[in-house]
Amino acid sequence: MTHRYTTNIVNGFRFHTKDRATERTSQNSEVLVKEDDSSPEKEYYGVLQDIFELSYVGGCKVFLFMSLVGCGTTWKGI
């Protein structure tokens, strides 16, 4: 079973999708992905597009954060 969300809390941090964040006073739809901790050139910034929860048989759940991530002027979905 799959559920779609516009907001989610993970480890005490609240995340909003871009569409949800535009309705709010404070914005929290941006994400940072680090490829390597020792190099700032390998940091990719993005905007959270969707949040999905996948529920599996046996009660296991997984959250997927879909975002557009860019490095310079190049953007791609992850």
PDB file of N, CA and C in Angstrom:
ATOM      1  N   MET A   1       0.839  -1.163   0.000  1.00  0.00           N
ATOM      2  CA  MET A   1       0.000   0.000   0.000  1.00  0.00           C
ATOM      3  C   MET A   1       0.898   1.245   0.000  1.00  0.00           C
ATOM      4  N   THR A   2       0.457   2.271  -0.673  1.00  0.00           N
ATOM      5  CA  THR A   2       1.241   3.507  -0.777  1.00  0.00           C
ATOM      6  C   THR A   2       0.392   4.694  -0.343  1.00  0.00           C
ATOM      7  N   HIS A   3       0.980   5.570   0.455  1.00  0.00           N
ATOM      8  CA  HIS A   3       0.341   6.824   0.854  1.00  0.00           C
ATOM      9  C   HIS A   3       1.228   7.969   0.394  1.00  0.00           C
ATOM     10  N   ARG A   4       0.600   9.074   0.048  1.00  0.00           N
ATOM     11  CA  ARG A   4       1.326  10.272  -0.371  1.00  0.00           C
ATOM     12  C   ARG A   4       1.079  11.367   0.660  1.00  0.00           C
ATOM     13  N   TYR A   5       2.165  12.074   1.044  1.00  0.00           N
ATOM     14  CA  TYR A   5       2.081  13.117   2.060  1.00  0.00           C
ATOM     15  C   TYR A   5       2.656  14.429   1.541  1.00  0.00           C
ATOM     16  N   THR A   6       2.215  15.530   2.152  1.00  0.00           N
ATOM     17  CA  THR A   6       2.802  16.836   1.838  1.00  0.00           C
ATOM     18  C   THR A   6       3.723  17.298   2.959  1.00  0.00           C
ATOM     19  N   THR A   7       3.690  16.591   4.096  1.00  0.00           N
ATOM     20  CA  THR A   7       4.568  16.915   5.217  1.00  0.00           C
ATOM     21  C   THR A   7       4.917  15.630   5.965  1.00  0.00           C
ATOM     22  N   ASN A   8       6.093  15.619   6.601  1.00  0.00           N
ATOM     23  CA  ASN A   8       6.540  14.443   7.342  1.00  0.00           C
ATOM     24  C   ASN A   8       7.571  14.884   8.384  1.00  0.00           C
ATOM     25  N   ILE A   9       7.634  14.168   9.493  1.00  0.00           N
ATOM     26  CA  ILE A   9       8.618  14.447  10.538  1.00  0.00           C
ATOM     27  C   ILE A   9       9.542  13.235  10.645  1.00  0.00           C
ATOM     28  N   VAL A  10      10.856  13.483  10.502  1.00  0.00           N
ATOM     29  CA  VAL A  10      11.864  12.435  10.593  1.00  0.00           C
ATOM     30  C   VAL A  10      12.925  12.883  11.587  1.00  0.00           C
ATOM     31  N   ASN A  11      13.157  12.079  12.619  1.00  0.00           N
ATOM     32  CA  ASN A  11      14.162  12.383  13.649  1.00  0.00           C
ATOM     33  C   ASN A  11      14.007  13.795  14.214  1.00  0.00           C
ATOM     34  N   GLY A  12      12.765  14.234  14.380  1.00  0.00           N
ATOM     35  CA  GLY A  12      12.501  15.543  14.957  1.00  0.00           C
ATOM     36  C   GLY A  12      12.540  16.696  13.963  1.00  0.00           C
ATOM     37  N   PHE A  13      12.827  16.427  12.698  1.00  0.00           N
ATOM     38  CA  PHE A  13      12.863  17.465  11.659  1.00  0.00           C
ATOM     39  C   PHE A  13      11.604  17.365  10.812  1.00  0.00           C
ATOM     40  N   ARG A  14      10.945  18.509  10.614  1.00  0.00           N
ATOM     41  CA  ARG A  14       9.725  18.541   9.809  1.00  0.00           C
ATOM     42  C   ARG A  14      10.073  18.938   8.371  1.00  0.00           C
ATOM     43  N   PHE A  15       9.544  18.181   7.422  1.00  0.00           N
ATOM     44  CA  PHE A  15       9.753  18.444   6.009  1.00  0.00           C
ATOM     45  C   PHE A  15       8.416  18.700   5.329  1.00  0.00           C
ATOM     46  N   HIS A  16       8.409  19.682   4.427  1.00  0.00           N
ATOM     47  CA  HIS A  16       7.223  19.994   3.628  1.00  0.00           C
ATOM     48  C   HIS A  16       7.594  19.889   2.156  1.00  0.00           C
ATOM     49  N   THR A  17       6.658  19.435   1.337  1.00  0.00           N
ATOM     50  CA  THR A  17       6.880  19.472  -0.106  1.00  0.00           C
ATOM     51  C   THR A  17       6.823  20.931  -0.563  1.00  0.00           C
ATOM     52  N   LYS A  18       7.326  21.167  -1.743  1.00  0.00           N
ATOM     53  CA  LYS A  18       7.351  22.536  -2.270  1.00  0.00           C
ATOM     54  C   LYS A  18       5.943  23.120  -2.330  1.00  0.00           C
ATOM     55  N   ASP A  19       4.965  22.343  -2.799  1.00  0.00           N
ATOM     56  CA  ASP A  19       3.587  22.839  -2.892  1.00  0.00           C
ATOM     57  C   ASP A  19       3.028  23.203  -1.524  1.00  0.00           C
ATOM     58  N   ARG A  20       3.313  22.413  -0.516  1.00  0.00           N
ATOM     59  CA  ARG A  20       2.838  22.686   0.851  1.00  0.00           C
ATOM     60  C   ARG A  20       3.564  23.897   1.445  1.00  0.00           C
ATOM     61  N   ALA A  21       4.845  24.016   1.184  1.00  0.00           N
ATOM     62  CA  ALA A  21       5.640  25.105   1.754  1.00  0.00           C
ATOM     63  C   ALA A  21       5.200  26.469   1.234  1.00  0.00           C
ATOM     64  N   THR A  22       4.690  26.531   0.013  1.00  0.00           N
ATOM     65  CA  THR A  22       4.261  27.827  -0.532  1.00  0.00           C
ATOM     66  C   THR A  22       3.068  28.388   0.220  1.00  0.00           C
ATOM     67  N   GLU A  23       2.326  27.533   0.929  1.00  0.00           N
ATOM     68  CA  GLU A  23       1.173  27.972   1.706  1.00  0.00           C
ATOM     69  C   GLU A  23       1.558  28.400   3.123  1.00  0.00           C
ATOM     70  N   ARG A  24       2.815  28.232   3.518  1.00  0.00           N
ATOM     71  CA  ARG A  24       3.244  28.450   4.898  1.00  0.00           C
ATOM     72  C   ARG A  24       4.126  29.690   5.017  1.00  0.00           C
ATOM     73  N   THR A  25       4.199  30.227   6.230  1.00  0.00           N
ATOM     74  CA  THR A  25       5.049  31.374   6.513  1.00  0.00           C
ATOM     75  C   THR A  25       6.516  30.968   6.481  1.00  0.00           C
ATOM     76  N   SER A  26       6.843  29.834   7.124  1.00  0.00           N
ATOM     77  CA  SER A  26       8.231  29.343   7.111  1.00  0.00           C
ATOM     78  C   SER A  26       8.376  28.267   6.046  1.00  0.00           C
ATOM     79  N   GLN A  27       9.500  28.266   5.371  1.00  0.00           N
ATOM     80  CA  GLN A  27       9.752  27.325   4.287  1.00  0.00           C
ATOM     81  C   GLN A  27      10.685  26.220   4.769  1.00  0.00           C
ATOM     82  N   ASN A  28      10.367  24.977   4.424  1.00  0.00           N
ATOM     83  CA  ASN A  28      11.232  23.859   4.778  1.00  0.00           C
ATOM     84  C   ASN A  28      11.088  22.757   3.730  1.00  0.00           C
ATOM     85  N   SER A  29      11.291  23.110   2.468  1.00  0.00           N
ATOM     86  CA  SER A  29      11.151  22.127   1.399  1.00  0.00           C
ATOM     87  C   SER A  29      12.486  21.860   0.700  1.00  0.00           C
ATOM     88  N   GLU A  30      13.565  22.474   1.184  1.00  0.00           N
ATOM     89  CA  GLU A  30      14.861  22.278   0.547  1.00  0.00           C
ATOM     90  C   GLU A  30      15.631  21.154   1.231  1.00  0.00           C
ATOM     91  N   VAL A  31      16.424  20.436   0.436  1.00  0.00           N
ATOM     92  CA  VAL A  31      17.215  19.317   0.957  1.00  0.00           C
ATOM     93  C   VAL A  31      18.665  19.471   0.517  1.00  0.00           C
ATOM     94  N   LEU A  32      19.566  18.834   1.259  1.00  0.00           N
ATOM     95  CA  LEU A  32      20.989  18.815   0.941  1.00  0.00           C
ATOM     96  C   LEU A  32      21.447  17.365   0.944  1.00  0.00           C
ATOM     97  N   VAL A  33      22.077  16.941  -0.147  1.00  0.00           N
ATOM     98  CA  VAL A  33      22.626  15.592  -0.249  1.00  0.00           C
ATOM     99  C   VAL A  33      24.129  15.715  -0.367  1.00  0.00           C
ATOM    100  N   LYS A  34      24.860  15.084   0.566  1.00  0.00           N
ATOM    101  CA  LYS A  34      26.321  15.110   0.532  1.00  0.00           C
ATOM    102  C   LYS A  34      26.822  13.776  -0.014  1.00  0.00           C
ATOM    103  N   GLU A  35      27.635  13.851  -1.053  1.00  0.00           N
ATOM    104  CA  GLU A  35      28.209  12.637  -1.629  1.00  0.00           C
ATOM    105  C   GLU A  35      29.431  12.183  -0.841  1.00  0.00           C
ATOM    106  N   ASP A  36      30.196  13.161  -0.337  1.00  0.00           N
ATOM    107  CA  ASP A  36      31.423  12.865   0.398  1.00  0.00           C
ATOM    108  C   ASP A  36      31.607  13.967   1.436  1.00  0.00           C
ATOM    109  N   ASP A  37      31.762  13.605   2.702  1.00  0.00           N
ATOM    110  CA  ASP A  37      31.887  14.604   3.774  1.00  0.00           C
ATOM    111  C   ASP A  37      33.127  15.474   3.658  1.00  0.00           C
ATOM    112  N   SER A  38      34.163  15.006   2.979  1.00  0.00           N
ATOM    113  CA  SER A  38      35.422  15.749   2.935  1.00  0.00           C
ATOM    114  C   SER A  38      35.493  16.765   1.798  1.00  0.00           C
ATOM    115  N   SER A  39      34.487  16.801   0.922  1.00  0.00           N
ATOM    116  CA  SER A  39      34.559  17.688  -0.233  1.00  0.00           C
ATOM    117  C   SER A  39      33.276  18.499  -0.387  1.00  0.00           C
ATOM    118  N   PRO A  40      33.332  19.833  -0.226  1.00  0.00           N
ATOM    119  CA  PRO A  40      32.129  20.650  -0.404  1.00  0.00           C
ATOM    120  C   PRO A  40      31.659  20.704  -1.853  1.00  0.00           C
ATOM    121  N   GLU A  41      32.507  20.309  -2.815  1.00  0.00           N
ATOM    122  CA  GLU A  41      32.101  20.307  -4.219  1.00  0.00           C
ATOM    123  C   GLU A  41      31.105  19.190  -4.512  1.00  0.00           C
ATOM    124  N   LYS A  42      30.971  18.246  -3.606  1.00  0.00           N
ATOM    125  CA  LYS A  42      30.067  17.123  -3.819  1.00  0.00           C
ATOM    126  C   LYS A  42      28.796  17.266  -2.992  1.00  0.00           C
ATOM    127  N   GLU A  43      28.305  18.490  -2.889  1.00  0.00           N
ATOM    128  CA  GLU A  43      27.054  18.774  -2.209  1.00  0.00           C
ATOM    129  C   GLU A  43      26.014  19.148  -3.257  1.00  0.00           C
ATOM    130  N   TYR A  44      24.844  18.566  -3.135  1.00  0.00           N
ATOM    131  CA  TYR A  44      23.769  18.803  -4.078  1.00  0.00           C
ATOM    132  C   TYR A  44      22.558  19.331  -3.317  1.00  0.00           C
ATOM    133  N   TYR A  45      22.036  20.471  -3.763  1.00  0.00           N
ATOM    134  CA  TYR A  45      20.891  21.090  -3.122  1.00  0.00           C
ATOM    135  C   TYR A  45      19.656  20.832  -3.969  1.00  0.00           C
ATOM    136  N   GLY A  46      18.515  20.666  -3.300  1.00  0.00           N
ATOM    137  CA  GLY A  46      17.303  20.375  -4.048  1.00  0.00           C
ATOM    138  C   GLY A  46      16.052  20.858  -3.352  1.00  0.00           C
ATOM    139  N   VAL A  47      14.937  20.595  -4.010  1.00  0.00           N
ATOM    140  CA  VAL A  47      13.620  20.982  -3.519  1.00  0.00           C
ATOM    141  C   VAL A  47      12.764  19.723  -3.436  1.00  0.00           C
ATOM    142  N   LEU A  48      12.158  19.509  -2.281  1.00  0.00           N
ATOM    143  CA  LEU A  48      11.348  18.323  -2.038  1.00  0.00           C
ATOM    144  C   LEU A  48      10.034  18.414  -2.813  1.00  0.00           C
ATOM    145  N   GLN A  49       9.784  17.443  -3.681  1.00  0.00           N
ATOM    146  CA  GLN A  49       8.594  17.437  -4.527  1.00  0.00           C
ATOM    147  C   GLN A  49       7.462  16.586  -3.957  1.00  0.00           C
ATOM    148  N   ASP A  50       7.779  15.375  -3.470  1.00  0.00           N
ATOM    149  CA  ASP A  50       6.766  14.446  -2.968  1.00  0.00           C
ATOM    150  C   ASP A  50       7.326  13.602  -1.836  1.00  0.00           C
ATOM    151  N   ILE A  51       6.425  13.131  -0.981  1.00  0.00           N
ATOM    152  CA  ILE A  51       6.774  12.194   0.095  1.00  0.00           C
ATOM    153  C   ILE A  51       5.826  11.013  -0.014  1.00  0.00           C
ATOM    154  N   PHE A  52       6.370   9.814  -0.137  1.00  0.00           N
ATOM    155  CA  PHE A  52       5.569   8.602  -0.232  1.00  0.00           C
ATOM    156  C   PHE A  52       5.922   7.659   0.912  1.00  0.00           C
ATOM    157  N   GLU A  53       4.914   6.965   1.426  1.00  0.00           N
ATOM    158  CA  GLU A  53       5.123   5.917   2.414  1.00  0.00           C
ATOM    159  C   GLU A  53       4.721   4.590   1.774  1.00  0.00           C
ATOM    160  N   LEU A  54       5.654   3.657   1.715  1.00  0.00           N
ATOM    161  CA  LEU A  54       5.374   2.326   1.191  1.00  0.00           C
ATOM    162  C   LEU A  54       5.199   1.378   2.369  1.00  0.00           C
ATOM    163  N   SER A  55       4.074   0.691   2.422  1.00  0.00           N
ATOM    164  CA  SER A  55       3.795  -0.273   3.488  1.00  0.00           C
ATOM    165  C   SER A  55       3.864  -1.679   2.906  1.00  0.00           C
ATOM    166  N   TYR A  56       4.670  -2.518   3.527  1.00  0.00           N
ATOM    167  CA  TYR A  56       4.863  -3.891   3.067  1.00  0.00           C
ATOM    168  C   TYR A  56       4.161  -4.866   3.995  1.00  0.00           C
ATOM    169  N   VAL A  57       3.960  -6.073   3.497  1.00  0.00           N
ATOM    170  CA  VAL A  57       3.382  -7.142   4.299  1.00  0.00           C
ATOM    171  C   VAL A  57       4.297  -7.383   5.502  1.00  0.00           C
ATOM    172  N   GLY A  58       3.723  -7.538   6.671  1.00  0.00           N
ATOM    173  CA  GLY A  58       4.509  -7.739   7.877  1.00  0.00           C
ATOM    174  C   GLY A  58       4.713  -6.463   8.665  1.00  0.00           C
ATOM    175  N   GLY A  59       4.172  -5.347   8.180  1.00  0.00           N
ATOM    176  CA  GLY A  59       4.241  -4.092   8.924  1.00  0.00           C
ATOM    177  C   GLY A  59       5.444  -3.216   8.644  1.00  0.00           C
ATOM    178  N   CYS A  60       6.324  -3.617   7.752  1.00  0.00           N
ATOM    179  CA  CYS A  60       7.495  -2.793   7.426  1.00  0.00           C
ATOM    180  C   CYS A  60       7.063  -1.589   6.583  1.00  0.00           C
ATOM    181  N   LYS A  61       7.582  -0.393   6.934  1.00  0.00           N
ATOM    182  CA  LYS A  61       7.256   0.838   6.204  1.00  0.00           C
ATOM    183  C   LYS A  61       8.534   1.541   5.775  1.00  0.00           C
ATOM    184  N   VAL A  62       8.492   2.145   4.600  1.00  0.00           N
ATOM    185  CA  VAL A  62       9.621   2.896   4.057  1.00  0.00           C
ATOM    186  C   VAL A  62       9.092   4.219   3.523  1.00  0.00           C
ATOM    187  N   PHE A  63       9.788   5.317   3.845  1.00  0.00           N
ATOM    188  CA  PHE A  63       9.428   6.621   3.303  1.00  0.00           C
ATOM    189  C   PHE A  63      10.376   6.971   2.160  1.00  0.00           C
ATOM    190  N   LEU A  64       9.815   7.464   1.071  1.00  0.00           N
ATOM    191  CA  LEU A  64      10.602   7.927  -0.075  1.00  0.00           C
ATOM    192  C   LEU A  64      10.414   9.426  -0.215  1.00  0.00           C
ATOM    193  N   PHE A  65      11.526  10.139  -0.298  1.00  0.00           N
ATOM    194  CA  PHE A  65      11.505  11.577  -0.510  1.00  0.00           C
ATOM    195  C   PHE A  65      11.936  11.834  -1.950  1.00  0.00           C
ATOM    196  N   MET A  66      11.026  12.327  -2.769  1.00  0.00           N
ATOM    197  CA  MET A  66      11.317  12.615  -4.168  1.00  0.00           C
ATOM    198  C   MET A  66      11.655  14.099  -4.293  1.00  0.00           C
ATOM    199  N   SER A  67      12.812  14.383  -4.893  1.00  0.00           N
ATOM    200  CA  SER A  67      13.211  15.783  -4.995  1.00  0.00           C
ATOM    201  C   SER A  67      13.939  16.046  -6.298  1.00  0.00           C
ATOM    202  N   LEU A  68      14.004  17.317  -6.657  1.00  0.00           N
ATOM    203  CA  LEU A  68      14.841  17.779  -7.750  1.00  0.00           C
ATOM    204  C   LEU A  68      16.126  18.265  -7.121  1.00  0.00           C
ATOM    205  N   VAL A  69      17.237  17.683  -7.532  1.00  0.00           N
ATOM    206  CA  VAL A  69      18.537  18.025  -6.948  1.00  0.00           C
ATOM    207  C   VAL A  69      19.408  18.611  -8.033  1.00  0.00           C
ATOM    208  N   GLY A  70      20.119  19.694  -7.700  1.00  0.00           N
ATOM    209  CA  GLY A  70      20.953  20.355  -8.680  1.00  0.00           C
ATOM    210  C   GLY A  70      22.362  20.587  -8.200  1.00  0.00           C
ATOM    211  N   CYS A  71      23.245  20.644  -9.159  1.00  0.00           N
ATOM    212  CA  CYS A  71      24.639  20.993  -8.912  1.00  0.00           C
ATOM    213  C   CYS A  71      24.953  22.070  -9.939  1.00  0.00           C
ATOM    214  N   GLY A  72      25.013  23.305  -9.493  1.00  0.00           N
ATOM    215  CA  GLY A  72      25.185  24.400 -10.444  1.00  0.00           C
ATOM    216  C   GLY A  72      23.857  24.656 -11.131  1.00  0.00           C
ATOM    217  N   THR A  73      23.810  24.500 -12.451  1.00  0.00           N
ATOM    218  CA  THR A  73      22.582  24.751 -13.195  1.00  0.00           C
ATOM    219  C   THR A  73      21.919  23.465 -13.674  1.00  0.00           C
ATOM    220  N   THR A  74      22.464  22.315 -13.333  1.00  0.00           N
ATOM    221  CA  THR A  74      21.898  21.044 -13.770  1.00  0.00           C
ATOM    222  C   THR A  74      20.999  20.468 -12.683  1.00  0.00           C
ATOM    223  N   TRP A  75      19.772  20.118 -13.051  1.00  0.00           N
ATOM    224  CA  TRP A  75      18.816  19.559 -12.096  1.00  0.00           C
ATOM    225  C   TRP A  75      18.393  18.189 -12.555  1.00  0.00           C
ATOM    226  N   LYS A  76      18.215  17.270 -11.592  1.00  0.00           N
ATOM    227  CA  LYS A  76      17.737  15.922 -11.925  1.00  0.00           C
ATOM    228  C   LYS A  76      16.919  15.401 -10.768  1.00  0.00           C
ATOM    229  N   GLY A  77      16.011  14.495 -11.037  1.00  0.00           N
ATOM    230  CA  GLY A  77      15.193  13.900 -10.001  1.00  0.00           C
ATOM    231  C   GLY A  77      15.913  12.761  -9.320  1.00  0.00           C
ATOM    232  N   ILE A  78      15.761  12.650  -7.998  1.00  0.00           N
ATOM    233  CA  ILE A  78      16.293  11.505  -7.272  1.00  0.00           C
ATOM    234  C   ILE A  78      15.206  10.960  -6.379  1.00  0.00           C
TER     235      ILE A  78
END
